[in-house]
Amino acid sequence: VCCPRCSFCIPVAEISGQEIHSTVIFSPME
C-alpha cells in the first residue's frame, strides 16, 4: 500500500491482521 502524497509504501502483510470492508451506498434519485 503506497501513500499517494509521499510515496511511502508498507507491505500488505503488516496490515493483514485488519479486516477491511467497503460499502457503496447510492442516494435515492430525486
mmCIF file of all heavy atoms, coordinates in Angstrom:
data_MODEL
# 
_entry.id   MODEL 
# 
loop_
_atom_site.group_PDB 
_atom_site.id 
_atom_site.type_symbol 
_atom_site.label_atom_id 
_atom_site.label_alt_id 
_atom_site.label_comp_id 
_atom_site.label_asym_id 
_atom_site.label_entity_id 
_atom_site.label_seq_id 
_atom_site.pdbx_PDB_ins_code 
_atom_site.Cartn_x 
_atom_site.Cartn_y 
_atom_site.Cartn_z 
_atom_site.occupancy 
_atom_site.B_iso_or_equiv 
_atom_site.pdbx_formal_charge 
_atom_site.auth_seq_id 
_atom_site.auth_comp_id 
_atom_site.auth_asym_id 
_atom_site.auth_atom_id 
_atom_site.pdbx_PDB_model_num 
ATOM 1   N N   . VAL A 1 1  ? 0.880   -1.172 0.000   1.00 0.00 ? 1  VAL A N   1 
ATOM 2   C CA  . VAL A 1 1  ? 0.000   0.000  0.000   1.00 0.00 ? 1  VAL A CA  1 
ATOM 3   C C   . VAL A 1 1  ? 0.907   1.209  0.000   1.00 0.00 ? 1  VAL A C   1 
ATOM 4   O O   . VAL A 1 1  ? 1.757   1.355  0.881   1.00 0.00 ? 1  VAL A O   1 
ATOM 5   C CB  . VAL A 1 1  ? -0.926  0.018  1.243   1.00 0.00 ? 1  VAL A CB  1 
ATOM 6   C CG1 . VAL A 1 1  ? -1.745  1.285  1.280   1.00 0.00 ? 1  VAL A CG1 1 
ATOM 7   C CG2 . VAL A 1 1  ? -1.820  -1.197 1.252   1.00 0.00 ? 1  VAL A CG2 1 
ATOM 8   N N   . CYS A 1 2  ? 0.747   2.089  -1.002  1.00 0.00 ? 2  CYS A N   1 
ATOM 9   C CA  . CYS A 1 2  ? 1.613   3.254  -1.128  1.00 0.00 ? 2  CYS A CA  1 
ATOM 10  C C   . CYS A 1 2  ? 0.827   4.537  -0.898  1.00 0.00 ? 2  CYS A C   1 
ATOM 11  O O   . CYS A 1 2  ? -0.321  4.659  -1.318  1.00 0.00 ? 2  CYS A O   1 
ATOM 12  C CB  . CYS A 1 2  ? 2.263   3.293  -2.502  1.00 0.00 ? 2  CYS A CB  1 
ATOM 13  S SG  . CYS A 1 2  ? 3.409   1.935  -2.777  1.00 0.00 ? 2  CYS A SG  1 
ATOM 14  N N   . CYS A 1 3  ? 1.470   5.478  -0.236  1.00 0.00 ? 3  CYS A N   1 
ATOM 15  C CA  . CYS A 1 3  ? 0.865   6.785  0.022   1.00 0.00 ? 3  CYS A CA  1 
ATOM 16  C C   . CYS A 1 3  ? 0.863   7.596  -1.274  1.00 0.00 ? 3  CYS A C   1 
ATOM 17  O O   . CYS A 1 3  ? 1.904   7.719  -1.919  1.00 0.00 ? 3  CYS A O   1 
ATOM 18  C CB  . CYS A 1 3  ? 1.656   7.516  1.104   1.00 0.00 ? 3  CYS A CB  1 
ATOM 19  S SG  . CYS A 1 3  ? 1.073   9.189  1.422   1.00 0.00 ? 3  CYS A SG  1 
ATOM 20  N N   . PRO A 1 4  ? -0.281  8.174  -1.668  1.00 0.00 ? 4  PRO A N   1 
ATOM 21  C CA  . PRO A 1 4  ? -0.319  8.966  -2.901  1.00 0.00 ? 4  PRO A CA  1 
ATOM 22  C C   . PRO A 1 4  ? 0.398   10.312 -2.768  1.00 0.00 ? 4  PRO A C   1 
ATOM 23  O O   . PRO A 1 4  ? 0.716   10.938 -3.767  1.00 0.00 ? 4  PRO A O   1 
ATOM 24  C CB  . PRO A 1 4  ? -1.811  9.159  -3.162  1.00 0.00 ? 4  PRO A CB  1 
ATOM 25  C CG  . PRO A 1 4  ? -2.473  8.971  -1.845  1.00 0.00 ? 4  PRO A CG  1 
ATOM 26  C CD  . PRO A 1 4  ? -1.605  8.044  -1.057  1.00 0.00 ? 4  PRO A CD  1 
ATOM 27  N N   . ARG A 1 5  ? 0.688   10.719 -1.541  1.00 0.00 ? 5  ARG A N   1 
ATOM 28  C CA  . ARG A 1 5  ? 1.317   12.026 -1.330  1.00 0.00 ? 5  ARG A CA  1 
ATOM 29  C C   . ARG A 1 5  ? 2.838   11.945 -1.299  1.00 0.00 ? 5  ARG A C   1 
ATOM 30  O O   . ARG A 1 5  ? 3.520   12.681 -1.977  1.00 0.00 ? 5  ARG A O   1 
ATOM 31  C CB  . ARG A 1 5  ? 0.799   12.629 -0.031  1.00 0.00 ? 5  ARG A CB  1 
ATOM 32  C CG  . ARG A 1 5  ? 1.319   14.008 0.239   1.00 0.00 ? 5  ARG A CG  1 
ATOM 33  C CD  . ARG A 1 5  ? 0.617   14.635 1.415   1.00 0.00 ? 5  ARG A CD  1 
ATOM 34  N NE  . ARG A 1 5  ? 1.183   15.928 1.701   1.00 0.00 ? 5  ARG A NE  1 
ATOM 35  C CZ  . ARG A 1 5  ? 1.415   16.372 2.904   1.00 0.00 ? 5  ARG A CZ  1 
ATOM 36  N NH1 . ARG A 1 5  ? 1.103   15.640 3.955   1.00 0.00 ? 5  ARG A NH1 1 
ATOM 37  N NH2 . ARG A 1 5  ? 1.931   17.553 3.097   1.00 0.00 ? 5  ARG A NH2 1 
ATOM 38  N N   . CYS A 1 6  ? 3.375   11.018 -0.483  1.00 0.00 ? 6  CYS A N   1 
ATOM 39  C CA  . CYS A 1 6  ? 4.830   10.970 -0.309  1.00 0.00 ? 6  CYS A CA  1 
ATOM 40  C C   . CYS A 1 6  ? 5.465   9.693  -0.829  1.00 0.00 ? 6  CYS A C   1 
ATOM 41  O O   . CYS A 1 6  ? 6.667   9.516  -0.716  1.00 0.00 ? 6  CYS A O   1 
ATOM 42  C CB  . CYS A 1 6  ? 5.193   11.166 1.164   1.00 0.00 ? 6  CYS A CB  1 
ATOM 43  S SG  . CYS A 1 6  ? 4.794   9.741  2.210   1.00 0.00 ? 6  CYS A SG  1 
ATOM 44  N N   . SER A 1 7  ? 4.658   8.786  -1.380  1.00 0.00 ? 7  SER A N   1 
ATOM 45  C CA  . SER A 1 7  ? 5.118   7.520  -1.949  1.00 0.00 ? 7  SER A CA  1 
ATOM 46  C C   . SER A 1 7  ? 5.696   6.547  -0.928  1.00 0.00 ? 7  SER A C   1 
ATOM 47  O O   . SER A 1 7  ? 6.405   5.617  -1.291  1.00 0.00 ? 7  SER A O   1 
ATOM 48  C CB  . SER A 1 7  ? 6.133   7.768  -3.071  1.00 0.00 ? 7  SER A CB  1 
ATOM 49  O OG  . SER A 1 7  ? 5.537   8.531  -4.091  1.00 0.00 ? 7  SER A OG  1 
ATOM 50  N N   . PHE A 1 8  ? 5.420   6.742  0.351   1.00 0.00 ? 8  PHE A N   1 
ATOM 51  C CA  . PHE A 1 8  ? 5.809   5.770  1.371   1.00 0.00 ? 8  PHE A CA  1 
ATOM 52  C C   . PHE A 1 8  ? 5.002   4.499  1.139   1.00 0.00 ? 8  PHE A C   1 
ATOM 53  O O   . PHE A 1 8  ? 3.808   4.556  0.891   1.00 0.00 ? 8  PHE A O   1 
ATOM 54  C CB  . PHE A 1 8  ? 5.530   6.345  2.771   1.00 0.00 ? 8  PHE A CB  1 
ATOM 55  C CG  . PHE A 1 8  ? 5.713   5.351  3.888   1.00 0.00 ? 8  PHE A CG  1 
ATOM 56  C CD1 . PHE A 1 8  ? 6.967   5.031  4.341   1.00 0.00 ? 8  PHE A CD1 1 
ATOM 57  C CD2 . PHE A 1 8  ? 4.615   4.733  4.458   1.00 0.00 ? 8  PHE A CD2 1 
ATOM 58  C CE1 . PHE A 1 8  ? 7.138   4.119  5.380   1.00 0.00 ? 8  PHE A CE1 1 
ATOM 59  C CE2 . PHE A 1 8  ? 4.774   3.815  5.490   1.00 0.00 ? 8  PHE A CE2 1 
ATOM 60  C CZ  . PHE A 1 8  ? 6.043   3.508  5.953   1.00 0.00 ? 8  PHE A CZ  1 
ATOM 61  N N   . CYS A 1 9  ? 5.650   3.340  1.206   1.00 0.00 ? 9  CYS A N   1 
ATOM 62  C CA  . CYS A 1 9  ? 4.967   2.070  0.967   1.00 0.00 ? 9  CYS A CA  1 
ATOM 63  C C   . CYS A 1 9  ? 5.086   1.167  2.185   1.00 0.00 ? 9  CYS A C   1 
ATOM 64  O O   . CYS A 1 9  ? 6.105   1.179  2.879   1.00 0.00 ? 9  CYS A O   1 
ATOM 65  C CB  . CYS A 1 9  ? 5.554   1.359  -0.249  1.00 0.00 ? 9  CYS A CB  1 
ATOM 66  S SG  . CYS A 1 9  ? 5.182   2.191  -1.794  1.00 0.00 ? 9  CYS A SG  1 
ATOM 67  N N   . ILE A 1 10 ? 4.039   0.425  2.436   1.00 0.00 ? 10 ILE A N   1 
ATOM 68  C CA  . ILE A 1 10 ? 4.024   -0.536 3.528   1.00 0.00 ? 10 ILE A CA  1 
ATOM 69  C C   . ILE A 1 10 ? 3.497   -1.857 2.974   1.00 0.00 ? 10 ILE A C   1 
ATOM 70  O O   . ILE A 1 10 ? 2.532   -1.863 2.212   1.00 0.00 ? 10 ILE A O   1 
ATOM 71  C CB  . ILE A 1 10 ? 3.166   -0.025 4.712   1.00 0.00 ? 10 ILE A CB  1 
ATOM 72  C CG1 . ILE A 1 10 ? 3.255   -0.964 5.897   1.00 0.00 ? 10 ILE A CG1 1 
ATOM 73  C CG2 . ILE A 1 10 ? 1.742   0.190  4.311   1.00 0.00 ? 10 ILE A CG2 1 
ATOM 74  C CD1 . ILE A 1 10 ? 2.658   -0.386 7.175   1.00 0.00 ? 10 ILE A CD1 1 
ATOM 75  N N   . PRO A 1 11 ? 4.138   -2.977 3.310   1.00 0.00 ? 11 PRO A N   1 
ATOM 76  C CA  . PRO A 1 11 ? 3.655   -4.268 2.803   1.00 0.00 ? 11 PRO A CA  1 
ATOM 77  C C   . PRO A 1 11 ? 2.278   -4.611 3.373   1.00 0.00 ? 11 PRO A C   1 
ATOM 78  O O   . PRO A 1 11 ? 1.978   -4.327 4.525   1.00 0.00 ? 11 PRO A O   1 
ATOM 79  C CB  . PRO A 1 11 ? 4.703   -5.265 3.299   1.00 0.00 ? 11 PRO A CB  1 
ATOM 80  C CG  . PRO A 1 11 ? 5.876   -4.454 3.709   1.00 0.00 ? 11 PRO A CG  1 
ATOM 81  C CD  . PRO A 1 11 ? 5.378   -3.090 4.041   1.00 0.00 ? 11 PRO A CD  1 
ATOM 82  N N   . VAL A 1 12 ? 1.431   -5.214 2.551   1.00 0.00 ? 12 VAL A N   1 
ATOM 83  C CA  . VAL A 1 12 ? 0.089   -5.598 2.972   1.00 0.00 ? 12 VAL A CA  1 
ATOM 84  C C   . VAL A 1 12 ? 0.166   -6.613 4.109   1.00 0.00 ? 12 VAL A C   1 
ATOM 85  O O   . VAL A 1 12 ? -0.710  -6.660 4.972   1.00 0.00 ? 12 VAL A O   1 
ATOM 86  C CB  . VAL A 1 12 ? -0.718  -6.151 1.775   1.00 0.00 ? 12 VAL A CB  1 
ATOM 87  C CG1 . VAL A 1 12 ? -2.054  -6.711 2.215   1.00 0.00 ? 12 VAL A CG1 1 
ATOM 88  C CG2 . VAL A 1 12 ? -0.929  -5.065 0.744   1.00 0.00 ? 12 VAL A CG2 1 
ATOM 89  N N   . ALA A 1 13 ? 1.240   -7.394 4.153   1.00 0.00 ? 13 ALA A N   1 
ATOM 90  C CA  . ALA A 1 13 ? 1.403   -8.395 5.208   1.00 0.00 ? 13 ALA A CA  1 
ATOM 91  C C   . ALA A 1 13 ? 1.385   -7.749 6.593   1.00 0.00 ? 13 ALA A C   1 
ATOM 92  O O   . ALA A 1 13 ? 0.923   -8.350 7.567   1.00 0.00 ? 13 ALA A O   1 
ATOM 93  C CB  . ALA A 1 13 ? 2.690   -9.170 5.002   1.00 0.00 ? 13 ALA A CB  1 
ATOM 94  N N   . GLU A 1 14 ? 1.867   -6.500 6.715   1.00 0.00 ? 14 GLU A N   1 
ATOM 95  C CA  . GLU A 1 14 ? 1.879   -5.819 8.009   1.00 0.00 ? 14 GLU A CA  1 
ATOM 96  C C   . GLU A 1 14 ? 0.487   -5.369 8.436   1.00 0.00 ? 14 GLU A C   1 
ATOM 97  O O   . GLU A 1 14 ? 0.250   -5.142 9.608   1.00 0.00 ? 14 GLU A O   1 
ATOM 98  C CB  . GLU A 1 14 ? 2.826   -4.613 7.967   1.00 0.00 ? 14 GLU A CB  1 
ATOM 99  C CG  . GLU A 1 14 ? 4.277   -5.017 7.899   1.00 0.00 ? 14 GLU A CG  1 
ATOM 100 C CD  . GLU A 1 14 ? 5.204   -3.824 8.014   1.00 0.00 ? 14 GLU A CD  1 
ATOM 101 O OE1 . GLU A 1 14 ? 4.821   -2.825 8.666   1.00 0.00 ? 14 GLU A OE1 1 
ATOM 102 O OE2 . GLU A 1 14 ? 6.301   -3.902 7.451   1.00 0.00 ? 14 GLU A OE2 1 
ATOM 103 N N   . ILE A 1 15 ? -0.432  -5.212 7.480   1.00 0.00 ? 15 ILE A N   1 
ATOM 104 C CA  . ILE A 1 15 ? -1.793  -4.822 7.834   1.00 0.00 ? 15 ILE A CA  1 
ATOM 105 C C   . ILE A 1 15 ? -2.771  -5.965 7.624   1.00 0.00 ? 15 ILE A C   1 
ATOM 106 O O   . ILE A 1 15 ? -3.968  -5.778 7.672   1.00 0.00 ? 15 ILE A O   1 
ATOM 107 C CB  . ILE A 1 15 ? -2.281  -3.580 7.037   1.00 0.00 ? 15 ILE A CB  1 
ATOM 108 C CG1 . ILE A 1 15 ? -1.741  -3.541 5.631   1.00 0.00 ? 15 ILE A CG1 1 
ATOM 109 C CG2 . ILE A 1 15 ? -2.047  -2.316 7.736   1.00 0.00 ? 15 ILE A CG2 1 
ATOM 110 C CD1 . ILE A 1 15 ? -2.204  -2.357 4.829   1.00 0.00 ? 15 ILE A CD1 1 
ATOM 111 N N   . SER A 1 16 ? -2.247  -7.166 7.435   1.00 0.00 ? 16 SER A N   1 
ATOM 112 C CA  . SER A 1 16 ? -3.134  -8.292 7.150   1.00 0.00 ? 16 SER A CA  1 
ATOM 113 C C   . SER A 1 16 ? -3.975  -8.690 8.356   1.00 0.00 ? 16 SER A C   1 
ATOM 114 O O   . SER A 1 16 ? -4.969  -9.382 8.208   1.00 0.00 ? 16 SER A O   1 
ATOM 115 C CB  . SER A 1 16 ? -2.328  -9.487 6.646   1.00 0.00 ? 16 SER A CB  1 
ATOM 116 O OG  . SER A 1 16 ? -1.445  -9.929 7.668   1.00 0.00 ? 16 SER A OG  1 
ATOM 117 N N   . GLY A 1 17 ? -3.626  -8.252 9.548   1.00 0.00 ? 17 GLY A N   1 
ATOM 118 C CA  . GLY A 1 17 ? -4.421  -8.565 10.731  1.00 0.00 ? 17 GLY A CA  1 
ATOM 119 C C   . GLY A 1 17 ? -5.715  -7.779 10.795  1.00 0.00 ? 17 GLY A C   1 
ATOM 120 O O   . GLY A 1 17 ? -6.606  -8.093 11.577  1.00 0.00 ? 17 GLY A O   1 
ATOM 121 N N   . GLN A 1 18 ? -5.839  -6.728 9.977   1.00 0.00 ? 18 GLN A N   1 
ATOM 122 C CA  . GLN A 1 18 ? -7.052  -5.907 9.980   1.00 0.00 ? 18 GLN A CA  1 
ATOM 123 C C   . GLN A 1 18 ? -8.019  -6.421 8.922   1.00 0.00 ? 18 GLN A C   1 
ATOM 124 O O   . GLN A 1 18 ? -7.620  -6.859 7.850   1.00 0.00 ? 18 GLN A O   1 
ATOM 125 C CB  . GLN A 1 18 ? -6.721  -4.448 9.677   1.00 0.00 ? 18 GLN A CB  1 
ATOM 126 C CG  . GLN A 1 18 ? -5.916  -3.772 10.747  1.00 0.00 ? 18 GLN A CG  1 
ATOM 127 C CD  . GLN A 1 18 ? -5.735  -2.293 10.412  1.00 0.00 ? 18 GLN A CD  1 
ATOM 128 O OE1 . GLN A 1 18 ? -6.081  -1.837 9.345   1.00 0.00 ? 18 GLN A OE1 1 
ATOM 129 N NE2 . GLN A 1 18 ? -5.182  -1.572 11.360  1.00 0.00 ? 18 GLN A NE2 1 
ATOM 130 N N   . GLU A 1 19 ? -9.281  -6.383 9.254   1.00 0.00 ? 19 GLU A N   1 
ATOM 131 C CA  . GLU A 1 19 ? -10.321 -6.752 8.304   1.00 0.00 ? 19 GLU A CA  1 
ATOM 132 C C   . GLU A 1 19 ? -10.837 -5.479 7.654   1.00 0.00 ? 19 GLU A C   1 
ATOM 133 O O   . GLU A 1 19 ? -11.165 -4.511 8.337   1.00 0.00 ? 19 GLU A O   1 
ATOM 134 C CB  . GLU A 1 19 ? -11.458 -7.460 9.048   1.00 0.00 ? 19 GLU A CB  1 
ATOM 135 C CG  . GLU A 1 19 ? -12.212 -8.420 8.187   1.00 0.00 ? 19 GLU A CG  1 
ATOM 136 C CD  . GLU A 1 19 ? -13.165 -9.253 9.011   1.00 0.00 ? 19 GLU A CD  1 
ATOM 137 O OE1 . GLU A 1 19 ? -12.708 -9.952 9.928   1.00 0.00 ? 19 GLU A OE1 1 
ATOM 138 O OE2 . GLU A 1 19 ? -14.371 -9.167 8.715   1.00 0.00 ? 19 GLU A OE2 1 
ATOM 139 N N   . ILE A 1 20 ? -10.882 -5.451 6.343   1.00 0.00 ? 20 ILE A N   1 
ATOM 140 C CA  . ILE A 1 20 ? -11.283 -4.253 5.612   1.00 0.00 ? 20 ILE A CA  1 
ATOM 141 C C   . ILE A 1 20 ? -12.585 -4.534 4.882   1.00 0.00 ? 20 ILE A C   1 
ATOM 142 O O   . ILE A 1 20 ? -12.701 -5.513 4.153   1.00 0.00 ? 20 ILE A O   1 
ATOM 143 C CB  . ILE A 1 20 ? -10.189 -3.832 4.611   1.00 0.00 ? 20 ILE A CB  1 
ATOM 144 C CG1 . ILE A 1 20 ? -8.899  -3.510 5.359   1.00 0.00 ? 20 ILE A CG1 1 
ATOM 145 C CG2 . ILE A 1 20 ? -10.655 -2.646 3.785   1.00 0.00 ? 20 ILE A CG2 1 
ATOM 146 C CD1 . ILE A 1 20 ? -7.719  -3.275 4.463   1.00 0.00 ? 20 ILE A CD1 1 
ATOM 147 N N   . HIS A 1 21 ? -13.568 -3.677 5.118   1.00 0.00 ? 21 HIS A N   1 
ATOM 148 C CA  . HIS A 1 21 ? -14.863 -3.768 4.450   1.00 0.00 ? 21 HIS A CA  1 
ATOM 149 C C   . HIS A 1 21 ? -15.144 -2.439 3.765   1.00 0.00 ? 21 HIS A C   1 
ATOM 150 O O   . HIS A 1 21 ? -14.813 -1.383 4.298   1.00 0.00 ? 21 HIS A O   1 
ATOM 151 C CB  . HIS A 1 21 ? -15.998 -4.036 5.452   1.00 0.00 ? 21 HIS A CB  1 
ATOM 152 C CG  . HIS A 1 21 ? -15.868 -5.322 6.185   1.00 0.00 ? 21 HIS A CG  1 
ATOM 153 N ND1 . HIS A 1 21 ? -16.251 -6.523 5.647   1.00 0.00 ? 21 HIS A ND1 1 
ATOM 154 C CD2 . HIS A 1 21 ? -15.384 -5.596 7.423   1.00 0.00 ? 21 HIS A CD2 1 
ATOM 155 C CE1 . HIS A 1 21 ? -16.018 -7.486 6.520   1.00 0.00 ? 21 HIS A CE1 1 
ATOM 156 N NE2 . HIS A 1 21 ? -15.488 -6.953 7.612   1.00 0.00 ? 21 HIS A NE2 1 
ATOM 157 N N   . SER A 1 22 ? -15.741 -2.499 2.598   1.00 0.00 ? 22 SER A N   1 
ATOM 158 C CA  . SER A 1 22 ? -16.162 -1.267 1.940   1.00 0.00 ? 22 SER A CA  1 
ATOM 159 C C   . SER A 1 22 ? -17.576 -1.462 1.416   1.00 0.00 ? 22 SER A C   1 
ATOM 160 O O   . SER A 1 22 ? -17.953 -2.558 1.006   1.00 0.00 ? 22 SER A O   1 
ATOM 161 C CB  . SER A 1 22 ? -15.213 -0.892 0.803   1.00 0.00 ? 22 SER A CB  1 
ATOM 162 O OG  . SER A 1 22 ? -15.235 -1.872 -0.200  1.00 0.00 ? 22 SER A OG  1 
ATOM 163 N N   . THR A 1 23 ? -18.358 -0.395 1.459   1.00 0.00 ? 23 THR A N   1 
ATOM 164 C CA  . THR A 1 23 ? -19.750 -0.429 1.031   1.00 0.00 ? 23 THR A CA  1 
ATOM 165 C C   . THR A 1 23 ? -20.032 0.804  0.182   1.00 0.00 ? 23 THR A C   1 
ATOM 166 O O   . THR A 1 23 ? -19.589 1.901  0.519   1.00 0.00 ? 23 THR A O   1 
ATOM 167 C CB  . THR A 1 23 ? -20.691 -0.423 2.251   1.00 0.00 ? 23 THR A CB  1 
ATOM 168 O OG1 . THR A 1 23 ? -20.323 -1.490 3.114   1.00 0.00 ? 23 THR A OG1 1 
ATOM 169 C CG2 . THR A 1 23 ? -22.130 -0.580 1.836   1.00 0.00 ? 23 THR A CG2 1 
ATOM 170 N N   . VAL A 1 24 ? -20.753 0.601  -0.894  1.00 0.00 ? 24 VAL A N   1 
ATOM 171 C CA  . VAL A 1 24 ? -21.188 1.712  -1.728  1.00 0.00 ? 24 VAL A CA  1 
ATOM 172 C C   . VAL A 1 24 ? -22.672 1.902  -1.494  1.00 0.00 ? 24 VAL A C   1 
ATOM 173 O O   . VAL A 1 24 ? -23.459 0.970  -1.659  1.00 0.00 ? 24 VAL A O   1 
ATOM 174 C CB  . VAL A 1 24 ? -20.903 1.437  -3.220  1.00 0.00 ? 24 VAL A CB  1 
ATOM 175 C CG1 . VAL A 1 24 ? -21.428 2.569  -4.079  1.00 0.00 ? 24 VAL A CG1 1 
ATOM 176 C CG2 . VAL A 1 24 ? -19.424 1.223  -3.451  1.00 0.00 ? 24 VAL A CG2 1 
ATOM 177 N N   . ILE A 1 25 ? -23.061 3.114  -1.077  1.00 0.00 ? 25 ILE A N   1 
ATOM 178 C CA  . ILE A 1 25 ? -24.464 3.420  -0.816  1.00 0.00 ? 25 ILE A CA  1 
ATOM 179 C C   . ILE A 1 25 ? -24.884 4.521  -1.774  1.00 0.00 ? 25 ILE A C   1 
ATOM 180 O O   . ILE A 1 25 ? -24.288 5.596  -1.793  1.00 0.00 ? 25 ILE A O   1 
ATOM 181 C CB  . ILE A 1 25 ? -24.674 3.875  0.647   1.00 0.00 ? 25 ILE A CB  1 
ATOM 182 C CG1 . ILE A 1 25 ? -24.252 2.762  1.590   1.00 0.00 ? 25 ILE A CG1 1 
ATOM 183 C CG2 . ILE A 1 25 ? -26.118 4.275  0.875   1.00 0.00 ? 25 ILE A CG2 1 
ATOM 184 C CD1 . ILE A 1 25 ? -24.249 3.160  3.048   1.00 0.00 ? 25 ILE A CD1 1 
ATOM 185 N N   . PHE A 1 26 ? -25.889 4.232  -2.573  1.00 0.00 ? 26 PHE A N   1 
ATOM 186 C CA  . PHE A 1 26 ? -26.403 5.221  -3.502  1.00 0.00 ? 26 PHE A CA  1 
ATOM 187 C C   . PHE A 1 26 ? -27.584 5.943  -2.874  1.00 0.00 ? 26 PHE A C   1 
ATOM 188 O O   . PHE A 1 26 ? -28.454 5.326  -2.274  1.00 0.00 ? 26 PHE A O   1 
ATOM 189 C CB  . PHE A 1 26 ? -26.850 4.548  -4.805  1.00 0.00 ? 26 PHE A CB  1 
ATOM 190 C CG  . PHE A 1 26 ? -25.712 3.939  -5.582  1.00 0.00 ? 26 PHE A CG  1 
ATOM 191 C CD1 . PHE A 1 26 ? -25.451 2.579  -5.506  1.00 0.00 ? 26 PHE A CD1 1 
ATOM 192 C CD2 . PHE A 1 26 ? -24.902 4.730  -6.361  1.00 0.00 ? 26 PHE A CD2 1 
ATOM 193 C CE1 . PHE A 1 26 ? -24.408 2.028  -6.208  1.00 0.00 ? 26 PHE A CE1 1 
ATOM 194 C CE2 . PHE A 1 26 ? -23.846 4.184  -7.061  1.00 0.00 ? 26 PHE A CE2 1 
ATOM 195 C CZ  . PHE A 1 26 ? -23.596 2.835  -6.995  1.00 0.00 ? 26 PHE A CZ  1 
ATOM 196 N N   . SER A 1 27 ? -27.609 7.254  -3.025  1.00 0.00 ? 27 SER A N   1 
ATOM 197 C CA  . SER A 1 27 ? -28.730 8.050  -2.538  1.00 0.00 ? 27 SER A CA  1 
ATOM 198 C C   . SER A 1 27 ? -29.916 7.829  -3.472  1.00 0.00 ? 27 SER A C   1 
ATOM 199 O O   . SER A 1 27 ? -29.738 7.617  -4.670  1.00 0.00 ? 27 SER A O   1 
ATOM 200 C CB  . SER A 1 27 ? -28.376 9.533  -2.517  1.00 0.00 ? 27 SER A CB  1 
ATOM 201 O OG  . SER A 1 27 ? -27.284 9.747  -1.664  1.00 0.00 ? 27 SER A OG  1 
ATOM 202 N N   . PRO A 1 28 ? -31.143 7.894  -2.920  1.00 0.00 ? 28 PRO A N   1 
ATOM 203 C CA  . PRO A 1 28 ? -32.307 7.731  -3.808  1.00 0.00 ? 28 PRO A CA  1 
ATOM 204 C C   . PRO A 1 28 ? -32.372 8.881  -4.802  1.00 0.00 ? 28 PRO A C   1 
ATOM 205 O O   . PRO A 1 28 ? -32.031 10.015 -4.479  1.00 0.00 ? 28 PRO A O   1 
ATOM 206 C CB  . PRO A 1 28 ? -33.498 7.741  -2.851  1.00 0.00 ? 28 PRO A CB  1 
ATOM 207 C CG  . PRO A 1 28 ? -32.997 8.369  -1.604  1.00 0.00 ? 28 PRO A CG  1 
ATOM 208 C CD  . PRO A 1 28 ? -31.521 8.116  -1.541  1.00 0.00 ? 28 PRO A CD  1 
ATOM 209 N N   . MET A 1 29 ? -32.779 8.558  -5.995  1.00 0.00 ? 29 MET A N   1 
ATOM 210 C CA  . MET A 1 29 ? -32.863 9.564  -7.043  1.00 0.00 ? 29 MET A CA  1 
ATOM 211 C C   . MET A 1 29 ? -34.001 10.532 -6.744  1.00 0.00 ? 29 MET A C   1 
ATOM 212 O O   . MET A 1 29 ? -35.119 10.109 -6.467  1.00 0.00 ? 29 MET A O   1 
ATOM 213 C CB  . MET A 1 29 ? -33.105 8.874  -8.381  1.00 0.00 ? 29 MET A CB  1 
ATOM 214 C CG  . MET A 1 29 ? -32.514 9.576  -9.525  1.00 0.00 ? 29 MET A CG  1 
ATOM 215 S SD  . MET A 1 29 ? -32.590 8.464  -10.926 1.00 0.00 ? 29 MET A SD  1 
ATOM 216 C CE  . MET A 1 29 ? -32.707 9.662  -12.190 1.00 0.00 ? 29 MET A CE  1 
ATOM 217 N N   . GLU A 1 30 ? -33.704 11.826 -6.756  1.00 0.00 ? 30 GLU A N   1 
ATOM 218 C CA  . GLU A 1 30 ? -34.737 12.830 -6.501  1.00 0.00 ? 30 GLU A CA  1 
ATOM 219 C C   . GLU A 1 30 ? -35.644 12.952 -7.719  1.00 0.00 ? 30 GLU A C   1 
ATOM 220 O O   . GLU A 1 30 ? -35.236 12.697 -8.844  1.00 0.00 ? 30 GLU A O   1 
ATOM 221 C CB  . GLU A 1 30 ? -34.091 14.188 -6.227  1.00 0.00 ? 30 GLU A CB  1 
ATOM 222 C CG  . GLU A 1 30 ? -33.301 14.229 -4.942  1.00 0.00 ? 30 GLU A CG  1 
ATOM 223 C CD  . GLU A 1 30 ? -32.714 15.611 -4.701  1.00 0.00 ? 30 GLU A CD  1 
ATOM 224 O OE1 . GLU A 1 30 ? -33.243 16.593 -5.244  1.00 0.00 ? 30 GLU A OE1 1 
ATOM 225 O OE2 . GLU A 1 30 ? -31.745 15.685 -3.958  1.00 0.00 ? 30 GLU A OE2 1 
# 
